[in-house]
Amino acid sequence: MKNTKHYFIIAILLLLVSCGLKPIESDYQFIDLEIETIKLDDLGNGKILIHNGANVFHKIDETSSLNIWINDRPAGQLKASEYVIIKLNEGSNTVRLLHKDVVNMRSEHHITINDSTKIIMVKPTITSNKLEVTNEFPRNWHKFSYKSSQ
């Protein structure tokens, strides 16, 4: 009975550790704006805020980190409740997302950037990843933090 309990604990720990995703460095230059001063009017015309809207289920088991590529260039990794502001060219763009939840969950999204595109939400889901142009700040915006370029 004791051995079974130990094996169960080890299996749970291995499962949690296996969900770590190695971060990638960004080829994009991030635009620095303070969270307290960001207004919707500051965005648009190619200046896009991207945030990770992972929910509590992905935060618990550390599967909320997303590696992002835009037009085959690495844009870095966003953890839950992190955001970046980057400059993107107008027109059609391909965004690839990757998160690790025991296995690698990859998805590809096609978006069109125009002068009114301002905010994009990305998040892991149970079976893949989601990308949505919301053009609005999330409800809990005060809990988000800026991901500085490294």
Protein backbone atom coordinates (compact mmCIF):
# COMPACT_ATOMS: atom_id res chain seq x y z
CA MET A 1 0.00 0.00 0.00
CA LYS A 2 2.81 2.43 0.88
CA ASN A 3 4.64 1.68 -2.37
CA THR A 4 1.52 2.38 -4.39
CA LYS A 5 1.11 5.74 -2.68
CA HIS A 6 4.74 6.66 -3.44
CA TYR A 7 4.41 5.62 -7.10
CA PHE A 8 1.25 7.69 -7.40
CA ILE A 9 2.96 10.79 -5.97
CA ILE A 10 5.98 10.33 -8.25
CA ALA A 11 3.69 9.92 -11.28
CA ILE A 12 1.82 13.14 -10.44
CA LEU A 13 5.09 15.05 -9.99
CA LEU A 14 6.43 13.76 -13.31
CA LEU A 15 3.23 14.79 -15.04
CA LEU A 16 3.48 18.32 -13.67
CA VAL A 17 7.16 18.66 -14.57
CA SER A 18 6.61 17.32 -18.08
CA CYS A 19 4.39 20.27 -18.96
CA GLY A 20 7.24 22.81 -18.97
CA LEU A 21 7.78 24.56 -22.31
CA LYS A 22 11.19 25.90 -23.24
CA PRO A 23 10.88 29.63 -24.00
CA ILE A 24 11.92 31.08 -27.35
CA GLU A 25 13.51 34.48 -27.93
CA SER A 26 11.67 37.09 -29.94
CA ASP A 27 12.83 38.48 -33.28
CA TYR A 28 10.36 41.33 -32.78
CA GLN A 29 11.05 44.59 -30.97
CA PHE A 30 8.50 45.09 -28.20
CA ILE A 31 6.99 48.55 -27.69
CA ASP A 32 7.20 49.73 -24.09
CA LEU A 33 4.01 51.19 -22.63
CA GLU A 34 3.03 51.23 -18.97
CA ILE A 35 -0.09 49.21 -18.13
CA GLU A 36 -1.56 52.16 -16.21
CA THR A 37 -1.32 54.45 -19.23
CA ILE A 38 -2.32 52.14 -22.08
CA LYS A 39 -5.46 53.31 -23.81
CA LEU A 40 -7.24 51.70 -26.72
CA ASP A 41 -6.50 54.85 -28.73
CA ASP A 42 -2.73 54.19 -28.32
CA LEU A 43 -3.11 50.97 -30.31
CA GLY A 44 -3.96 50.26 -33.93
CA ASN A 45 -2.26 51.13 -37.22
CA GLY A 46 -0.08 48.05 -36.82
CA LYS A 47 0.65 48.57 -33.11
CA ILE A 48 -0.88 45.42 -31.61
CA LEU A 49 -1.25 44.29 -28.00
CA ILE A 50 -1.10 40.49 -27.67
CA HIS A 51 -2.04 38.94 -24.32
CA ASN A 52 -2.23 35.40 -22.95
CA GLY A 53 -5.76 34.87 -21.63
CA ALA A 54 -5.13 31.41 -20.14
CA ASN A 55 -7.76 30.38 -17.63
CA VAL A 56 -7.32 28.92 -14.15
CA PHE A 57 -7.17 25.31 -15.36
CA HIS A 58 -4.02 25.98 -17.38
CA LYS A 59 -2.49 28.12 -14.64
CA ILE A 60 -2.80 25.33 -12.06
CA ASP A 61 -0.76 22.77 -13.96
CA GLU A 62 1.68 25.24 -15.56
CA THR A 63 0.52 24.55 -19.12
CA SER A 64 -0.37 28.19 -19.75
CA SER A 65 2.88 29.25 -21.45
CA LEU A 66 2.54 29.83 -25.19
CA ASN A 67 5.37 30.07 -27.70
CA ILE A 68 4.37 32.37 -30.57
CA TRP A 69 5.62 32.67 -34.15
CA ILE A 70 4.32 35.36 -36.48
CA ASN A 71 5.02 34.89 -40.19
CA ASP A 72 7.61 32.20 -39.34
CA ARG A 73 9.54 34.58 -37.05
CA PRO A 74 9.65 33.82 -33.30
CA ALA A 75 7.72 36.38 -31.25
CA GLY A 76 8.67 34.87 -27.87
CA GLN A 77 6.79 33.16 -25.07
CA LEU A 78 3.85 34.56 -23.13
CA LYS A 79 2.91 33.12 -19.77
CA ALA A 80 -0.58 33.48 -18.31
CA SER A 81 -1.63 37.10 -17.80
CA GLU A 82 1.33 38.53 -19.71
CA TYR A 83 1.18 40.87 -22.69
CA VAL A 84 3.43 42.45 -25.30
CA ILE A 85 2.93 45.26 -27.75
CA ILE A 86 4.51 44.78 -31.16
CA LYS A 87 4.39 46.42 -34.55
CA LEU A 88 2.96 44.22 -37.31
CA ASN A 89 2.57 44.92 -41.00
CA GLU A 90 -0.94 45.39 -42.27
CA GLY A 91 -2.39 42.58 -44.32
CA SER A 92 -2.50 38.82 -43.94
CA ASN A 93 -0.41 37.25 -41.16
CA THR A 94 0.10 33.68 -40.04
CA VAL A 95 0.39 33.05 -36.30
CA ARG A 96 1.54 29.70 -34.95
CA LEU A 97 1.01 28.85 -31.28
CA LEU A 98 2.50 26.06 -29.19
CA HIS A 99 1.82 24.99 -25.63
CA LYS A 100 2.83 21.80 -23.89
CA ASP A 101 0.28 19.72 -22.03
CA VAL A 102 1.99 16.31 -21.78
CA VAL A 103 2.22 16.49 -25.61
CA ASN A 104 2.88 19.52 -27.81
CA MET A 105 -0.33 21.32 -28.77
CA ARG A 106 0.23 23.26 -32.00
CA SER A 107 -2.14 25.46 -33.95
CA GLU A 108 -1.95 27.82 -36.90
CA HIS A 109 -4.13 30.90 -37.28
CA HIS A 110 -4.53 33.35 -40.17
CA ILE A 111 -5.39 36.91 -39.26
CA THR A 112 -5.67 40.13 -41.21
CA ILE A 113 -4.14 43.17 -39.57
CA ASN A 114 -5.66 46.52 -40.51
CA ASP A 115 -5.63 49.98 -38.97
CA SER A 116 -8.42 49.04 -36.54
CA THR A 117 -6.79 45.82 -35.21
CA LYS A 118 -5.68 46.63 -31.65
CA ILE A 119 -5.82 43.68 -29.23
CA ILE A 120 -5.31 39.97 -29.84
CA MET A 121 -6.00 37.34 -27.19
CA VAL A 122 -4.16 34.02 -27.38
CA LYS A 123 -4.70 31.15 -24.97
CA PRO A 124 -4.20 27.42 -24.64
CA THR A 125 -7.24 25.18 -24.75
CA ILE A 126 -7.68 21.57 -23.68
CA THR A 127 -7.21 20.29 -27.24
CA SER A 128 -5.33 23.10 -29.05
CA ASN A 129 -4.88 26.89 -28.83
CA LYS A 130 -7.15 29.83 -29.48
CA LEU A 131 -6.47 33.20 -31.12
CA GLU A 132 -9.09 35.93 -31.21
CA VAL A 133 -8.99 39.57 -32.25
CA THR A 134 -10.94 41.13 -29.37
CA ASN A 135 -10.01 44.82 -29.60
CA GLU A 136 -10.86 45.14 -25.91
CA PHE A 137 -8.93 44.72 -22.69
CA PRO A 138 -9.72 41.62 -20.60
CA ARG A 139 -11.93 42.02 -17.51
CA ASN A 140 -9.00 41.46 -15.13
CA TRP A 141 -6.59 43.76 -17.01
CA HIS A 142 -5.10 45.13 -13.77
CA LYS A 143 -3.63 41.65 -13.10
CA PHE A 144 -1.66 41.54 -16.35
CA SER A 145 2.06 42.27 -16.58
CA TYR A 146 4.24 43.44 -19.43
CA LYS A 147 6.65 40.90 -20.91
CA SER A 148 9.84 42.83 -21.60
CA SER A 149 12.02 41.84 -24.54
CA GLN A 150 15.15 39.98 -23.51
